N, C-alpha and C. Protein backbone atom coordinates (compact mmCIF):
# COMPACT_ATOMS: atom_id res chain seq x y z
N MET A 1 60.03 -24.96 -25.04
CA MET A 1 59.40 -23.82 -25.62
C MET A 1 57.91 -24.09 -25.88
N ILE A 2 57.60 -25.24 -26.40
CA ILE A 2 56.22 -25.60 -26.68
C ILE A 2 55.42 -25.66 -25.38
N GLU A 3 56.04 -26.15 -24.36
CA GLU A 3 55.36 -26.23 -23.07
C GLU A 3 55.05 -24.83 -22.55
N ILE A 4 55.94 -23.91 -22.77
CA ILE A 4 55.71 -22.54 -22.32
C ILE A 4 54.55 -21.92 -23.11
N MET A 5 54.52 -22.17 -24.40
CA MET A 5 53.45 -21.62 -25.23
C MET A 5 52.11 -22.25 -24.87
N ILE A 6 52.09 -23.53 -24.62
CA ILE A 6 50.84 -24.20 -24.23
C ILE A 6 50.40 -23.68 -22.86
N GLY A 7 51.35 -23.54 -21.95
CA GLY A 7 51.05 -23.01 -20.61
C GLY A 7 50.50 -21.59 -20.70
N ALA A 8 51.12 -20.77 -21.55
CA ALA A 8 50.66 -19.39 -21.71
C ALA A 8 49.26 -19.36 -22.33
N ALA A 9 49.04 -20.20 -23.34
CA ALA A 9 47.72 -20.25 -23.98
C ALA A 9 46.66 -20.70 -22.98
N LEU A 10 46.98 -21.71 -22.18
CA LEU A 10 46.04 -22.17 -21.15
C LEU A 10 45.80 -21.08 -20.10
N ALA A 11 46.84 -20.35 -19.76
CA ALA A 11 46.70 -19.27 -18.79
C ALA A 11 45.80 -18.17 -19.33
N VAL A 12 45.98 -17.84 -20.62
CA VAL A 12 45.13 -16.82 -21.23
C VAL A 12 43.68 -17.29 -21.27
N VAL A 13 43.46 -18.53 -21.70
CA VAL A 13 42.11 -19.08 -21.78
C VAL A 13 41.49 -19.13 -20.38
N THR A 14 42.24 -19.61 -19.43
CA THR A 14 41.74 -19.71 -18.06
C THR A 14 41.43 -18.32 -17.50
N THR A 15 42.29 -17.36 -17.78
CA THR A 15 42.06 -15.99 -17.31
C THR A 15 40.81 -15.40 -17.95
N LEU A 16 40.67 -15.61 -19.24
CA LEU A 16 39.48 -15.09 -19.93
C LEU A 16 38.21 -15.75 -19.41
N LEU A 17 38.24 -17.05 -19.26
CA LEU A 17 37.06 -17.76 -18.74
C LEU A 17 36.76 -17.32 -17.30
N GLY A 18 37.80 -17.21 -16.49
CA GLY A 18 37.63 -16.78 -15.10
C GLY A 18 37.09 -15.37 -15.01
N THR A 19 37.62 -14.49 -15.86
CA THR A 19 37.15 -13.10 -15.87
C THR A 19 35.69 -13.04 -16.32
N GLY A 20 35.36 -13.76 -17.37
CA GLY A 20 33.99 -13.78 -17.87
C GLY A 20 33.03 -14.35 -16.84
N PHE A 21 33.45 -15.46 -16.21
CA PHE A 21 32.60 -16.08 -15.19
C PHE A 21 32.45 -15.15 -13.99
N GLY A 22 33.53 -14.50 -13.60
CA GLY A 22 33.48 -13.54 -12.49
C GLY A 22 32.57 -12.37 -12.80
N ALA A 23 32.66 -11.86 -14.03
CA ALA A 23 31.80 -10.74 -14.43
C ALA A 23 30.33 -11.18 -14.44
N TRP A 24 30.09 -12.39 -14.93
CA TRP A 24 28.72 -12.91 -14.93
C TRP A 24 28.18 -13.05 -13.51
N LEU A 25 28.99 -13.59 -12.59
CA LEU A 25 28.57 -13.73 -11.20
C LEU A 25 28.33 -12.37 -10.55
N THR A 26 29.21 -11.42 -10.85
CA THR A 26 29.06 -10.08 -10.29
C THR A 26 27.77 -9.43 -10.79
N ARG A 27 27.51 -9.54 -12.08
CA ARG A 27 26.29 -8.96 -12.66
C ARG A 27 25.05 -9.62 -12.07
N ARG A 28 25.11 -10.92 -11.93
CA ARG A 28 23.97 -11.64 -11.36
C ARG A 28 23.73 -11.21 -9.92
N HIS A 29 24.79 -11.05 -9.17
CA HIS A 29 24.67 -10.60 -7.78
C HIS A 29 24.12 -9.17 -7.72
N GLN A 30 24.58 -8.30 -8.61
CA GLN A 30 24.08 -6.93 -8.65
C GLN A 30 22.60 -6.89 -8.99
N LEU A 31 22.18 -7.71 -9.95
CA LEU A 31 20.76 -7.77 -10.30
C LEU A 31 19.93 -8.29 -9.13
N SER A 32 20.48 -9.27 -8.42
CA SER A 32 19.78 -9.81 -7.26
C SER A 32 19.65 -8.75 -6.17
N LEU A 33 20.72 -8.00 -5.93
CA LEU A 33 20.67 -6.92 -4.94
C LEU A 33 19.69 -5.83 -5.36
N ALA A 34 19.68 -5.48 -6.64
CA ALA A 34 18.77 -4.45 -7.14
C ALA A 34 17.32 -4.90 -6.99
N ALA A 35 17.05 -6.17 -7.31
CA ALA A 35 15.69 -6.69 -7.17
C ALA A 35 15.27 -6.70 -5.70
N ALA A 36 16.18 -7.08 -4.82
CA ALA A 36 15.86 -7.09 -3.39
C ALA A 36 15.61 -5.67 -2.88
N ALA A 37 16.43 -4.72 -3.35
CA ALA A 37 16.24 -3.32 -2.94
C ALA A 37 14.92 -2.78 -3.46
N GLU A 38 14.56 -3.12 -4.69
CA GLU A 38 13.29 -2.66 -5.25
C GLU A 38 12.12 -3.27 -4.49
N GLU A 39 12.22 -4.53 -4.14
CA GLU A 39 11.16 -5.19 -3.38
C GLU A 39 11.03 -4.55 -1.99
N GLU A 40 12.15 -4.25 -1.37
CA GLU A 40 12.13 -3.60 -0.07
C GLU A 40 11.52 -2.20 -0.16
N GLN A 41 11.83 -1.50 -1.24
CA GLN A 41 11.26 -0.17 -1.44
C GLN A 41 9.74 -0.26 -1.63
N ARG A 42 9.29 -1.25 -2.37
CA ARG A 42 7.84 -1.43 -2.57
C ARG A 42 7.14 -1.78 -1.26
N ARG A 43 7.79 -2.60 -0.46
CA ARG A 43 7.20 -2.93 0.85
C ARG A 43 7.10 -1.67 1.72
N ALA A 44 8.13 -0.84 1.69
CA ALA A 44 8.09 0.41 2.45
C ALA A 44 6.99 1.31 1.92
N GLN A 45 6.81 1.38 0.61
CA GLN A 45 5.74 2.19 0.02
C GLN A 45 4.37 1.64 0.42
N MET A 46 4.26 0.31 0.46
CA MET A 46 3.01 -0.31 0.87
C MET A 46 2.70 0.06 2.32
N GLN A 47 3.71 0.01 3.18
CA GLN A 47 3.51 0.37 4.58
C GLN A 47 3.12 1.84 4.71
N GLN A 48 3.75 2.71 3.93
CA GLN A 48 3.41 4.13 3.98
C GLN A 48 1.96 4.35 3.55
N LEU A 49 1.53 3.62 2.53
CA LEU A 49 0.15 3.76 2.06
C LEU A 49 -0.82 3.27 3.13
N VAL A 50 -0.54 2.15 3.76
CA VAL A 50 -1.44 1.62 4.79
C VAL A 50 -1.50 2.58 5.98
N ILE A 51 -0.36 3.15 6.35
CA ILE A 51 -0.34 4.12 7.46
C ILE A 51 -1.15 5.37 7.08
N ALA A 52 -0.96 5.86 5.87
CA ALA A 52 -1.71 7.05 5.42
C ALA A 52 -3.21 6.77 5.39
N VAL A 53 -3.59 5.59 4.94
CA VAL A 53 -5.01 5.22 4.91
C VAL A 53 -5.55 5.14 6.34
N SER A 54 -4.77 4.56 7.24
CA SER A 54 -5.22 4.47 8.64
C SER A 54 -5.41 5.85 9.26
N GLU A 55 -4.48 6.76 8.98
CA GLU A 55 -4.62 8.12 9.49
C GLU A 55 -5.85 8.80 8.91
N MET A 56 -6.08 8.61 7.61
CA MET A 56 -7.25 9.21 6.96
C MET A 56 -8.54 8.65 7.55
N MET A 57 -8.59 7.35 7.74
CA MET A 57 -9.80 6.73 8.29
C MET A 57 -10.06 7.21 9.72
N THR A 58 -9.00 7.34 10.50
CA THR A 58 -9.16 7.83 11.87
C THR A 58 -9.66 9.26 11.88
N ALA A 59 -9.06 10.11 11.05
CA ALA A 59 -9.49 11.52 10.98
C ALA A 59 -10.93 11.62 10.48
N ARG A 60 -11.29 10.80 9.50
CA ARG A 60 -12.66 10.84 8.98
C ARG A 60 -13.66 10.38 10.03
N THR A 61 -13.33 9.32 10.75
CA THR A 61 -14.22 8.82 11.79
C THR A 61 -14.40 9.87 12.89
N LEU A 62 -13.31 10.50 13.28
CA LEU A 62 -13.39 11.55 14.30
C LEU A 62 -14.24 12.72 13.81
N TYR A 63 -14.05 13.10 12.55
CA TYR A 63 -14.85 14.18 11.97
C TYR A 63 -16.33 13.82 11.97
N GLN A 64 -16.65 12.61 11.52
CA GLN A 64 -18.05 12.21 11.44
C GLN A 64 -18.69 12.15 12.82
N GLU A 65 -17.96 11.62 13.80
CA GLU A 65 -18.51 11.54 15.15
C GLU A 65 -18.66 12.92 15.77
N THR A 66 -17.70 13.81 15.49
CA THR A 66 -17.74 15.14 16.09
C THR A 66 -18.78 16.03 15.44
N TRP A 67 -18.89 15.97 14.12
CA TRP A 67 -19.71 16.95 13.42
C TRP A 67 -20.98 16.40 12.77
N LEU A 68 -21.03 15.14 12.45
CA LEU A 68 -22.17 14.63 11.67
C LEU A 68 -22.99 13.56 12.38
N SER A 69 -22.61 13.19 13.57
CA SER A 69 -23.32 12.11 14.25
C SER A 69 -24.73 12.54 14.64
N ARG A 70 -25.54 11.59 14.91
CA ARG A 70 -26.92 11.85 15.33
C ARG A 70 -26.94 12.65 16.63
N THR A 71 -26.03 12.31 17.55
CA THR A 71 -25.95 13.02 18.83
C THR A 71 -25.63 14.49 18.60
N THR A 72 -24.67 14.77 17.72
CA THR A 72 -24.29 16.16 17.44
C THR A 72 -25.46 16.91 16.82
N ARG A 73 -26.16 16.27 15.90
CA ARG A 73 -27.30 16.93 15.27
C ARG A 73 -28.41 17.24 16.29
N TRP A 74 -28.65 16.30 17.18
CA TRP A 74 -29.64 16.54 18.22
C TRP A 74 -29.19 17.68 19.13
N ARG A 75 -27.90 17.70 19.46
CA ARG A 75 -27.37 18.74 20.33
C ARG A 75 -27.51 20.12 19.68
N VAL A 76 -27.18 20.22 18.40
CA VAL A 76 -27.31 21.50 17.68
C VAL A 76 -28.77 21.90 17.61
N GLY A 77 -29.63 20.94 17.31
CA GLY A 77 -31.07 21.23 17.27
C GLY A 77 -31.58 21.71 18.62
N ALA A 78 -31.10 21.07 19.69
CA ALA A 78 -31.54 21.48 21.03
C ALA A 78 -31.03 22.89 21.36
N MET A 79 -29.79 23.19 20.98
CA MET A 79 -29.25 24.52 21.24
C MET A 79 -30.01 25.58 20.45
N ALA A 80 -30.35 25.27 19.20
CA ALA A 80 -31.13 26.20 18.39
C ALA A 80 -32.51 26.40 19.00
N ALA A 81 -33.10 25.33 19.51
CA ALA A 81 -34.42 25.43 20.14
C ALA A 81 -34.34 26.26 21.42
N ILE A 82 -33.27 26.09 22.19
CA ILE A 82 -33.10 26.88 23.42
C ILE A 82 -32.96 28.36 23.08
N GLU A 83 -32.16 28.65 22.04
CA GLU A 83 -32.01 30.05 21.61
C GLU A 83 -33.35 30.63 21.18
N PHE A 84 -34.11 29.84 20.42
CA PHE A 84 -35.42 30.30 19.97
C PHE A 84 -36.34 30.54 21.17
N TRP A 85 -36.40 29.56 22.05
CA TRP A 85 -37.28 29.64 23.21
C TRP A 85 -36.93 30.84 24.09
N SER A 86 -35.63 31.03 24.31
CA SER A 86 -35.18 32.14 25.16
C SER A 86 -35.60 33.49 24.57
N THR A 87 -35.37 33.66 23.29
CA THR A 87 -35.74 34.93 22.64
C THR A 87 -37.24 35.10 22.60
N TRP A 88 -37.96 34.06 22.29
CA TRP A 88 -39.42 34.11 22.21
C TRP A 88 -40.02 34.50 23.56
N ARG A 89 -39.50 33.89 24.65
CA ARG A 89 -40.02 34.18 25.99
C ARG A 89 -39.69 35.61 26.42
N THR A 90 -38.45 36.08 26.11
CA THR A 90 -38.09 37.43 26.53
C THR A 90 -38.83 38.49 25.73
N ARG A 91 -39.30 38.15 24.54
CA ARG A 91 -40.04 39.11 23.70
C ARG A 91 -41.54 39.01 23.92
N GLY A 92 -41.96 38.29 24.94
CA GLY A 92 -43.38 38.27 25.29
C GLY A 92 -44.14 37.05 24.82
N GLY A 93 -43.49 36.11 24.15
CA GLY A 93 -44.16 34.88 23.74
C GLY A 93 -45.21 35.08 22.66
N ASN A 94 -45.09 36.11 21.86
CA ASN A 94 -46.07 36.36 20.80
C ASN A 94 -45.41 36.16 19.43
N TRP A 95 -46.15 36.56 18.39
CA TRP A 95 -45.67 36.38 17.02
C TRP A 95 -44.37 37.13 16.78
N ASP A 96 -44.24 38.34 17.26
CA ASP A 96 -43.01 39.12 17.10
C ASP A 96 -41.83 38.41 17.79
N GLY A 97 -42.09 37.83 18.95
CA GLY A 97 -41.05 37.09 19.66
C GLY A 97 -40.63 35.85 18.90
N ALA A 98 -41.60 35.21 18.23
CA ALA A 98 -41.27 34.02 17.44
C ALA A 98 -40.40 34.39 16.25
N VAL A 99 -40.72 35.48 15.58
CA VAL A 99 -39.92 35.93 14.44
C VAL A 99 -38.53 36.32 14.91
N ALA A 100 -38.45 37.01 16.04
CA ALA A 100 -37.15 37.43 16.58
C ALA A 100 -36.33 36.21 17.02
N GLY A 101 -36.98 35.15 17.44
CA GLY A 101 -36.28 33.95 17.90
C GLY A 101 -35.64 33.15 16.79
N LEU A 102 -36.08 33.40 15.57
CA LEU A 102 -35.49 32.66 14.45
C LEU A 102 -34.03 33.04 14.21
N ALA A 103 -33.69 34.30 14.43
CA ALA A 103 -32.31 34.75 14.14
C ALA A 103 -31.27 34.04 14.99
N PRO A 104 -31.39 33.99 16.33
CA PRO A 104 -30.35 33.32 17.10
C PRO A 104 -30.30 31.81 16.84
N SER A 105 -31.46 31.20 16.60
CA SER A 105 -31.44 29.76 16.32
C SER A 105 -30.81 29.49 14.96
N ALA A 106 -31.05 30.37 13.99
CA ALA A 106 -30.42 30.22 12.67
C ALA A 106 -28.91 30.41 12.78
N ARG A 107 -28.46 31.33 13.67
CA ARG A 107 -27.02 31.52 13.86
C ARG A 107 -26.36 30.27 14.42
N VAL A 108 -27.02 29.60 15.35
CA VAL A 108 -26.47 28.37 15.93
C VAL A 108 -26.28 27.33 14.83
N ILE A 109 -27.30 27.16 14.01
CA ILE A 109 -27.22 26.17 12.93
C ILE A 109 -26.18 26.57 11.89
N ASP A 110 -26.13 27.85 11.55
CA ASP A 110 -25.15 28.34 10.58
C ASP A 110 -23.72 28.15 11.10
N LEU A 111 -23.50 28.45 12.38
CA LEU A 111 -22.17 28.27 12.97
C LEU A 111 -21.76 26.81 12.92
N TRP A 112 -22.68 25.92 13.26
CA TRP A 112 -22.38 24.48 13.21
C TRP A 112 -22.04 24.06 11.78
N GLN A 113 -22.80 24.55 10.81
CA GLN A 113 -22.54 24.18 9.42
C GLN A 113 -21.18 24.70 8.97
N ARG A 114 -20.86 25.95 9.27
CA ARG A 114 -19.56 26.51 8.87
C ARG A 114 -18.40 25.74 9.49
N ARG A 115 -18.50 25.46 10.78
CA ARG A 115 -17.43 24.74 11.46
C ARG A 115 -17.29 23.32 10.90
N SER A 116 -18.40 22.69 10.56
CA SER A 116 -18.30 21.33 10.02
C SER A 116 -17.64 21.34 8.65
N VAL A 117 -17.91 22.38 7.85
CA VAL A 117 -17.25 22.50 6.54
C VAL A 117 -15.77 22.78 6.71
N GLU A 118 -15.41 23.64 7.67
CA GLU A 118 -14.00 23.91 7.94
C GLU A 118 -13.27 22.64 8.38
N GLU A 119 -13.90 21.88 9.24
CA GLU A 119 -13.29 20.64 9.71
C GLU A 119 -13.22 19.60 8.58
N ALA A 120 -14.18 19.61 7.68
CA ALA A 120 -14.11 18.70 6.53
C ALA A 120 -12.93 19.08 5.64
N ALA A 121 -12.69 20.37 5.49
CA ALA A 121 -11.54 20.83 4.70
C ALA A 121 -10.24 20.40 5.35
N ALA A 122 -10.23 20.23 6.66
CA ALA A 122 -9.02 19.80 7.36
C ALA A 122 -8.67 18.35 7.03
N LEU A 123 -9.56 17.63 6.38
CA LEU A 123 -9.27 16.25 5.95
C LEU A 123 -8.45 16.22 4.67
N ALA A 124 -8.35 17.34 3.97
CA ALA A 124 -7.64 17.38 2.68
C ALA A 124 -6.17 16.95 2.79
N PRO A 125 -5.41 17.37 3.80
CA PRO A 125 -4.02 16.89 3.88
C PRO A 125 -3.91 15.38 4.05
N TYR A 126 -4.87 14.79 4.75
CA TYR A 126 -4.86 13.34 4.90
C TYR A 126 -5.11 12.66 3.55
N ALA A 127 -6.04 13.21 2.79
CA ALA A 127 -6.33 12.66 1.46
C ALA A 127 -5.11 12.82 0.55
N ALA A 128 -4.45 13.95 0.64
CA ALA A 128 -3.25 14.17 -0.18
C ALA A 128 -2.15 13.20 0.20
N LYS A 129 -2.03 12.90 1.47
CA LYS A 129 -1.00 11.94 1.92
C LYS A 129 -1.31 10.54 1.40
N VAL A 130 -2.58 10.17 1.38
CA VAL A 130 -2.97 8.86 0.84
C VAL A 130 -2.63 8.81 -0.65
N ALA A 131 -2.97 9.86 -1.37
CA ALA A 131 -2.70 9.89 -2.81
C ALA A 131 -1.19 9.86 -3.08
N ALA A 132 -0.42 10.61 -2.31
CA ALA A 132 1.03 10.64 -2.52
C ALA A 132 1.67 9.30 -2.18
N ALA A 133 1.19 8.64 -1.14
CA ALA A 133 1.75 7.35 -0.76
C ALA A 133 1.34 6.25 -1.74
N GLY A 134 0.15 6.37 -2.31
CA GLY A 134 -0.34 5.32 -3.20
C GLY A 134 0.07 5.46 -4.64
N LEU A 135 0.45 6.66 -5.04
CA LEU A 135 0.78 6.91 -6.45
C LEU A 135 1.90 6.00 -6.98
N PRO A 136 3.04 5.86 -6.28
CA PRO A 136 4.09 4.99 -6.82
C PRO A 136 3.63 3.54 -6.99
N LEU A 137 2.83 3.06 -6.05
CA LEU A 137 2.35 1.68 -6.18
C LEU A 137 1.28 1.57 -7.26
N GLY A 138 0.45 2.58 -7.37
CA GLY A 138 -0.60 2.57 -8.39
C GLY A 138 -0.06 2.65 -9.80
N MET A 139 1.18 3.12 -9.95
CA MET A 139 1.80 3.23 -11.27
C MET A 139 2.83 2.11 -11.49
N SER A 140 2.79 1.10 -10.65
CA SER A 140 3.74 -0.01 -10.76
C SER A 140 3.55 -0.78 -12.07
N ALA A 141 4.64 -1.36 -12.55
CA ALA A 141 4.57 -2.18 -13.76
C ALA A 141 3.85 -3.50 -13.48
N ASP A 142 3.79 -3.89 -12.22
CA ASP A 142 3.08 -5.11 -11.82
C ASP A 142 1.59 -4.80 -11.78
N PRO A 143 0.79 -5.35 -12.70
CA PRO A 143 -0.63 -4.99 -12.76
C PRO A 143 -1.40 -5.39 -11.51
N GLU A 144 -1.02 -6.48 -10.88
CA GLU A 144 -1.71 -6.92 -9.66
C GLU A 144 -1.46 -5.93 -8.52
N LEU A 145 -0.22 -5.49 -8.39
CA LEU A 145 0.13 -4.51 -7.36
C LEU A 145 -0.56 -3.17 -7.64
N ALA A 146 -0.53 -2.73 -8.88
CA ALA A 146 -1.15 -1.46 -9.24
C ALA A 146 -2.65 -1.49 -8.97
N ALA A 147 -3.30 -2.59 -9.31
CA ALA A 147 -4.75 -2.71 -9.09
C ALA A 147 -5.08 -2.73 -7.60
N ALA A 148 -4.28 -3.45 -6.81
CA ALA A 148 -4.53 -3.52 -5.37
C ALA A 148 -4.34 -2.17 -4.71
N ALA A 149 -3.29 -1.44 -5.11
CA ALA A 149 -3.05 -0.11 -4.55
C ALA A 149 -4.16 0.85 -4.94
N GLN A 150 -4.60 0.79 -6.19
CA GLN A 150 -5.67 1.67 -6.66
C GLN A 150 -6.97 1.36 -5.93
N LYS A 151 -7.24 0.09 -5.70
CA LYS A 151 -8.46 -0.29 -4.99
C LYS A 151 -8.45 0.26 -3.56
N LEU A 152 -7.28 0.20 -2.91
CA LEU A 152 -7.18 0.73 -1.55
C LEU A 152 -7.35 2.25 -1.54
N MET A 153 -6.69 2.93 -2.47
CA MET A 153 -6.84 4.39 -2.52
C MET A 153 -8.29 4.77 -2.79
N ASP A 154 -8.94 4.09 -3.73
CA ASP A 154 -10.34 4.38 -4.03
C ASP A 154 -11.23 4.15 -2.82
N ALA A 155 -11.01 3.02 -2.13
CA ALA A 155 -11.84 2.70 -0.96
C ALA A 155 -11.70 3.77 0.11
N CYS A 156 -10.49 4.27 0.29
CA CYS A 156 -10.25 5.30 1.31
C CYS A 156 -10.77 6.66 0.88
N LEU A 157 -10.40 7.08 -0.32
CA LEU A 157 -10.72 8.44 -0.75
C LEU A 157 -12.17 8.63 -1.15
N GLU A 158 -12.86 7.56 -1.50
CA GLU A 158 -14.27 7.66 -1.86
C GLU A 158 -15.18 7.50 -0.65
N GLY A 159 -14.60 7.34 0.52
CA GLY A 159 -15.40 7.27 1.74
C GLY A 159 -16.15 5.98 1.93
N GLN A 160 -15.60 4.88 1.42
CA GLN A 160 -16.27 3.60 1.60
C GLN A 160 -16.14 3.17 3.07
N ASP A 161 -16.94 2.20 3.47
CA ASP A 161 -16.94 1.81 4.88
C ASP A 161 -15.65 1.07 5.26
N GLU A 162 -15.46 0.91 6.56
CA GLU A 162 -14.22 0.33 7.07
C GLU A 162 -14.01 -1.10 6.59
N GLY A 163 -15.08 -1.85 6.39
CA GLY A 163 -14.95 -3.22 5.91
C GLY A 163 -14.33 -3.27 4.53
N GLN A 164 -14.75 -2.38 3.65
CA GLN A 164 -14.19 -2.35 2.30
C GLN A 164 -12.73 -1.90 2.33
N VAL A 165 -12.40 -0.97 3.20
CA VAL A 165 -11.02 -0.53 3.32
C VAL A 165 -10.15 -1.66 3.86
N ARG A 166 -10.66 -2.38 4.86
CA ARG A 166 -9.91 -3.54 5.40
C ARG A 166 -9.69 -4.60 4.33
N ASP A 167 -10.73 -4.86 3.53
CA ASP A 167 -10.59 -5.83 2.44
C ASP A 167 -9.55 -5.37 1.43
N ALA A 168 -9.52 -4.08 1.13
CA ALA A 168 -8.54 -3.54 0.18
C ALA A 168 -7.13 -3.64 0.75
N ILE A 169 -6.98 -3.39 2.05
CA ILE A 169 -5.66 -3.55 2.69
C ILE A 169 -5.23 -5.01 2.63
N ALA A 170 -6.14 -5.91 2.91
CA ALA A 170 -5.82 -7.34 2.84
C ALA A 170 -5.42 -7.73 1.42
N GLY A 171 -6.09 -7.16 0.41
CA GLY A 171 -5.72 -7.44 -0.98
C GLY A 171 -4.33 -6.95 -1.32
N LEU A 172 -3.98 -5.77 -0.81
CA LEU A 172 -2.64 -5.23 -1.06
C LEU A 172 -1.59 -6.07 -0.35
N ARG A 173 -1.86 -6.46 0.87
CA ARG A 173 -0.91 -7.30 1.61
C ARG A 173 -0.75 -8.66 0.92
N ALA A 174 -1.82 -9.17 0.33
CA ALA A 174 -1.76 -10.47 -0.34
C ALA A 174 -0.83 -10.42 -1.55
N VAL A 175 -0.71 -9.27 -2.20
CA VAL A 175 0.22 -9.14 -3.32
C VAL A 175 1.65 -9.37 -2.85
N PHE A 176 1.96 -8.90 -1.65
CA PHE A 176 3.33 -9.03 -1.13
C PHE A 176 3.56 -10.35 -0.40
N TYR A 177 2.58 -10.76 0.39
CA TYR A 177 2.80 -11.89 1.29
C TYR A 177 1.96 -13.12 0.97
N GLY A 178 1.16 -13.06 -0.06
CA GLY A 178 0.27 -14.17 -0.39
C GLY A 178 -1.02 -14.03 0.40
N PRO A 179 -2.02 -14.81 0.04
CA PRO A 179 -3.31 -14.70 0.73
C PRO A 179 -3.17 -15.10 2.20
N ALA A 180 -3.97 -14.47 3.04
CA ALA A 180 -3.97 -14.80 4.46
C ALA A 180 -4.47 -16.22 4.65
N PRO A 181 -3.88 -16.94 5.57
CA PRO A 181 -4.32 -18.31 5.79
C PRO A 181 -5.75 -18.34 6.35
N GLU A 182 -6.47 -19.35 5.97
CA GLU A 182 -7.83 -19.51 6.45
C GLU A 182 -7.79 -19.85 7.94
N PRO A 183 -8.73 -19.31 8.72
CA PRO A 183 -8.76 -19.67 10.14
C PRO A 183 -9.15 -21.14 10.27
N PRO A 184 -8.65 -21.81 11.31
CA PRO A 184 -8.99 -23.22 11.47
C PRO A 184 -10.48 -23.37 11.75
N PRO A 185 -11.07 -24.44 11.22
CA PRO A 185 -12.50 -24.63 11.46
C PRO A 185 -12.75 -24.92 12.94
N SER A 186 -13.89 -24.46 13.43
CA SER A 186 -14.21 -24.72 14.83
C SER A 186 -14.80 -26.12 14.94
N LEU A 187 -14.61 -26.69 16.09
CA LEU A 187 -15.13 -28.03 16.33
C LEU A 187 -16.62 -27.96 16.55
N PRO A 188 -17.35 -28.97 16.05
CA PRO A 188 -18.81 -28.95 16.26
C PRO A 188 -19.13 -29.07 17.75
N GLY A 189 -20.05 -28.24 18.20
CA GLY A 189 -20.51 -28.32 19.57
C GLY A 189 -19.58 -27.69 20.59
N GLY A 190 -18.60 -26.98 20.16
CA GLY A 190 -17.68 -26.37 21.13
C GLY A 190 -16.80 -25.35 20.46
N SER A 191 -15.84 -24.87 21.22
CA SER A 191 -14.91 -23.89 20.66
C SER A 191 -13.68 -24.57 20.15
N ALA A 192 -12.94 -23.87 19.32
CA ALA A 192 -11.76 -24.45 18.68
C ALA A 192 -10.63 -24.63 19.62
């Protein structure tokens, strides 16, 4: 009888310890899975932000080259001058012709300005996508991650140059993957 009671007591103790240990292992595994899932979600958010920034930078570069470049300005100026010259010549090349020539040349410049403003407004969805992709990272509890995401969003949305945007992307990637390795030094007097 005593052996049965000791066996039962040991069975109860063993069961309780086993159950507690199993619950602890299960909880630890669940926390590990949750942390891995959260890290994976942050990496996906980081990738979405980098893609949104790349799209914004591409759209901005295209806009600037199409509407604000020196070549475009010269082209618009030349078209306005042609309109002026054409009207001035057809009106006799006098003062009245010069005054009349101002209207078509002003229309060319006005049309260019309106279209450039319309195309600038077309950049708004890209900016909204950058803000939406960066917001979750910018509000992260990790201050280093939040600062890196905010720096990238600022660099993109404030129109900073590509070098600053690349540096901000590198800073964000460094939060996840560590700093980029230094390139190997080149050999003196030759290539690496």
